Amino acid sequence: MPALPILFKIVNGKLRLENYTLSKEVTKSLANVLVQFPELLNSVHFNRNGMKDEEMAPLIEALGACKRLDCLILKHNEFGEKAYEKMIPILERGIGDNLQEFRLV
């Protein structure tokens, strides 16, 4: 079993995690993987993962390194000032650099 089992949930570049609790350690590890492998994901959907702003911020920053990211959906996780600051560069790149769908609920 890999050190980060959620990597098995990536199918065709899409990572969809619903009602799957992500600890601080897991989000940090996932962020590290995304920085090392910027072509890994093109779509991310996090829903009800128990993430707080402190966990969300480094993960969003790492998602900014994903070169093929065209869909980012963040639902029912804490999105505060730290996460917002890391989101700005992704939104500024926006449609011109692949991102076609962004939802924050």
C-alpha atoms as a PDB file:
ATOM      1  CA  MET A   1       0.000   0.000   0.000  1.00  0.00           C
ATOM      2  CA  PRO A   2       1.390   3.445  -0.875  1.00  0.00           C
ATOM      3  CA  ALA A   3       2.191   6.004   1.781  1.00  0.00           C
ATOM      4  CA  LEU A   4      -0.693   8.108   0.450  1.00  0.00           C
ATOM      5  CA  PRO A   5      -3.650   5.791  -0.357  1.00  0.00           C
ATOM      6  CA  ILE A   6      -5.808   8.616  -1.759  1.00  0.00           C
ATOM      7  CA  LEU A   7      -3.566   8.589  -4.833  1.00  0.00           C
ATOM      8  CA  PHE A   8      -5.474   5.433  -5.840  1.00  0.00           C
ATOM      9  CA  LYS A   9      -8.587   7.601  -6.034  1.00  0.00           C
ATOM     10  CA  ILE A  10      -7.151   9.535  -8.988  1.00  0.00           C
ATOM     11  CA  VAL A  11      -8.814   8.261 -12.156  1.00  0.00           C
ATOM     12  CA  ASN A  12      -7.886   9.738 -15.534  1.00  0.00           C
ATOM     13  CA  GLY A  13      -6.433  12.831 -13.854  1.00  0.00           C
ATOM     14  CA  LYS A  14      -9.525  13.397 -11.707  1.00  0.00           C
ATOM     15  CA  LEU A  15      -9.508  13.369  -7.915  1.00  0.00           C
ATOM     16  CA  ARG A  16     -12.980  13.350  -6.367  1.00  0.00           C
ATOM     17  CA  LEU A  17     -13.169  13.049  -2.587  1.00  0.00           C
ATOM     18  CA  GLU A  18     -16.584  13.290  -0.957  1.00  0.00           C
ATOM     19  CA  ASN A  19     -17.147  12.670   2.750  1.00  0.00           C
ATOM     20  CA  TYR A  20     -13.519  11.562   2.993  1.00  0.00           C
ATOM     21  CA  THR A  21     -11.759  13.144   5.967  1.00  0.00           C
ATOM     22  CA  LEU A  22      -8.399  14.665   5.114  1.00  0.00           C
ATOM     23  CA  SER A  23      -6.077  15.179   8.064  1.00  0.00           C
ATOM     24  CA  LYS A  24      -3.439  17.874   8.236  1.00  0.00           C
ATOM     25  CA  GLU A  25      -0.748  15.281   7.500  1.00  0.00           C
ATOM     26  CA  VAL A  26      -2.572  13.891   4.463  1.00  0.00           C
ATOM     27  CA  THR A  27      -3.230  17.325   2.965  1.00  0.00           C
ATOM     28  CA  LYS A  28       0.430  18.223   3.459  1.00  0.00           C
ATOM     29  CA  SER A  29       1.554  14.980   1.797  1.00  0.00           C
ATOM     30  CA  LEU A  30      -0.864  15.458  -1.089  1.00  0.00           C
ATOM     31  CA  ALA A  31       0.384  19.025  -1.557  1.00  0.00           C
ATOM     32  CA  ASN A  32       3.963  17.729  -1.746  1.00  0.00           C
ATOM     33  CA  VAL A  33       2.987  15.139  -4.371  1.00  0.00           C
ATOM     34  CA  LEU A  34       1.205  17.765  -6.486  1.00  0.00           C
ATOM     35  CA  VAL A  35       4.251  20.043  -6.485  1.00  0.00           C
ATOM     36  CA  GLN A  36       6.488  17.138  -7.526  1.00  0.00           C
ATOM     37  CA  PHE A  37       4.071  15.911 -10.214  1.00  0.00           C
ATOM     38  CA  PRO A  38       2.387  19.011 -11.707  1.00  0.00           C
ATOM     39  CA  GLU A  39       0.835  16.990 -14.568  1.00  0.00           C
ATOM     40  CA  LEU A  40      -0.947  14.551 -12.213  1.00  0.00           C
ATOM     41  CA  LEU A  41      -4.369  16.207 -11.979  1.00  0.00           C
ATOM     42  CA  ASN A  42      -6.739  18.010 -14.292  1.00  0.00           C
ATOM     43  CA  SER A  43      -9.840  17.961 -12.081  1.00  0.00           C
ATOM     44  CA  VAL A  44     -10.295  18.193  -8.302  1.00  0.00           C
ATOM     45  CA  HIS A  45     -13.500  17.948  -6.306  1.00  0.00           C
ATOM     46  CA  PHE A  46     -13.279  18.135  -2.510  1.00  0.00           C
ATOM     47  CA  ASN A  47     -16.579  17.887  -0.628  1.00  0.00           C
ATOM     48  CA  ARG A  48     -17.037  17.582   3.143  1.00  0.00           C
ATOM     49  CA  ASN A  49     -13.465  16.604   3.926  1.00  0.00           C
ATOM     50  CA  GLY A  50     -13.170  18.306   7.311  1.00  0.00           C
ATOM     51  CA  MET A  51     -10.414  20.598   6.081  1.00  0.00           C
ATOM     52  CA  LYS A  52      -9.763  23.806   7.963  1.00  0.00           C
ATOM     53  CA  ASP A  53      -8.281  26.950   6.441  1.00  0.00           C
ATOM     54  CA  GLU A  54      -4.792  25.938   7.655  1.00  0.00           C
ATOM     55  CA  GLU A  55      -4.963  22.640   5.734  1.00  0.00           C
ATOM     56  CA  MET A  56      -6.696  24.104   2.714  1.00  0.00           C
ATOM     57  CA  ALA A  57      -4.127  26.883   2.072  1.00  0.00           C
ATOM     58  CA  PRO A  58      -1.049  24.740   1.272  1.00  0.00           C
ATOM     59  CA  LEU A  59      -3.182  22.337  -0.732  1.00  0.00           C
ATOM     60  CA  ILE A  60      -4.576  25.168  -2.851  1.00  0.00           C
ATOM     61  CA  GLU A  61      -1.082  26.555  -3.322  1.00  0.00           C
ATOM     62  CA  ALA A  62       0.045  23.144  -4.594  1.00  0.00           C
ATOM     63  CA  LEU A  63      -2.978  22.932  -6.897  1.00  0.00           C
ATOM     64  CA  GLY A  64      -1.723  26.169  -8.411  1.00  0.00           C
ATOM     65  CA  ALA A  65       1.299  24.206  -9.645  1.00  0.00           C
ATOM     66  CA  CYS A  66      -0.937  21.746 -11.524  1.00  0.00           C
ATOM     67  CA  LYS A  67      -0.354  22.565 -15.168  1.00  0.00           C
ATOM     68  CA  ARG A  68      -3.466  20.804 -16.484  1.00  0.00           C
ATOM     69  CA  LEU A  69      -5.979  21.845 -13.822  1.00  0.00           C
ATOM     70  CA  ASP A  70      -9.208  22.771 -15.582  1.00  0.00           C
ATOM     71  CA  CYS A  71     -11.758  22.069 -12.831  1.00  0.00           C
ATOM     72  CA  LEU A  72     -11.567  22.945  -9.126  1.00  0.00           C
ATOM     73  CA  ILE A  73     -14.574  22.360  -6.886  1.00  0.00           C
ATOM     74  CA  LEU A  74     -14.328  23.016  -3.143  1.00  0.00           C
ATOM     75  CA  LYS A  75     -17.481  22.298  -1.159  1.00  0.00           C
ATOM     76  CA  HIS A  76     -18.214  22.352   2.554  1.00  0.00           C
ATOM     77  CA  ASN A  77     -14.658  22.794   3.802  1.00  0.00           C
ATOM     78  CA  GLU A  78     -13.342  25.832   5.671  1.00  0.00           C
ATOM     79  CA  PHE A  79     -12.136  28.446   3.217  1.00  0.00           C
ATOM     80  CA  GLY A  80     -10.696  31.411   5.073  1.00  0.00           C
ATOM     81  CA  GLU A  81      -8.141  34.147   4.589  1.00  0.00           C
ATOM     82  CA  LYS A  82      -5.132  31.837   4.216  1.00  0.00           C
ATOM     83  CA  ALA A  83      -6.805  29.707   1.546  1.00  0.00           C
ATOM     84  CA  TYR A  84      -8.113  32.806  -0.211  1.00  0.00           C
ATOM     85  CA  GLU A  85      -4.607  34.277  -0.464  1.00  0.00           C
ATOM     86  CA  LYS A  86      -3.341  31.073  -2.093  1.00  0.00           C
ATOM     87  CA  MET A  87      -6.315  31.010  -4.461  1.00  0.00           C
ATOM     88  CA  ILE A  88      -5.664  34.444  -5.980  1.00  0.00           C
ATOM     89  CA  PRO A  89      -2.884  33.323  -8.392  1.00  0.00           C
ATOM     90  CA  ILE A  90      -5.037  30.443  -9.659  1.00  0.00           C
ATOM     91  CA  LEU A  91      -7.977  32.746 -10.309  1.00  0.00           C
ATOM     92  CA  GLU A  92      -5.757  35.345 -11.962  1.00  0.00           C
ATOM     93  CA  ARG A  93      -4.485  32.693 -14.379  1.00  0.00           C
ATOM     94  CA  GLY A  94      -8.055  31.540 -14.870  1.00  0.00           C
ATOM     95  CA  ILE A  95      -9.459  30.610 -18.217  1.00  0.00           C
ATOM     96  CA  GLY A  96      -6.331  31.667 -20.064  1.00  0.00           C
ATOM     97  CA  ASP A  97      -4.356  28.884 -18.399  1.00  0.00           C
ATOM     98  CA  ASN A  98      -6.763  25.911 -18.434  1.00  0.00           C
ATOM     99  CA  LEU A  99      -9.048  26.622 -15.442  1.00  0.00           C
ATOM    100  CA  GLN A 100     -12.551  26.511 -16.861  1.00  0.00           C
ATOM    101  CA  GLU A 101     -14.625  25.610 -13.822  1.00  0.00           C
ATOM    102  CA  PHE A 102     -14.263  26.857 -10.258  1.00  0.00           C
ATOM    103  CA  ARG A 103     -16.858  26.379  -7.546  1.00  0.00           C
ATOM    104  CA  LEU A 104     -16.627  27.325  -3.896  1.00  0.00           C
ATOM    105  CA  VAL A 105     -19.555  26.305  -1.701  1.00  0.00           C
END
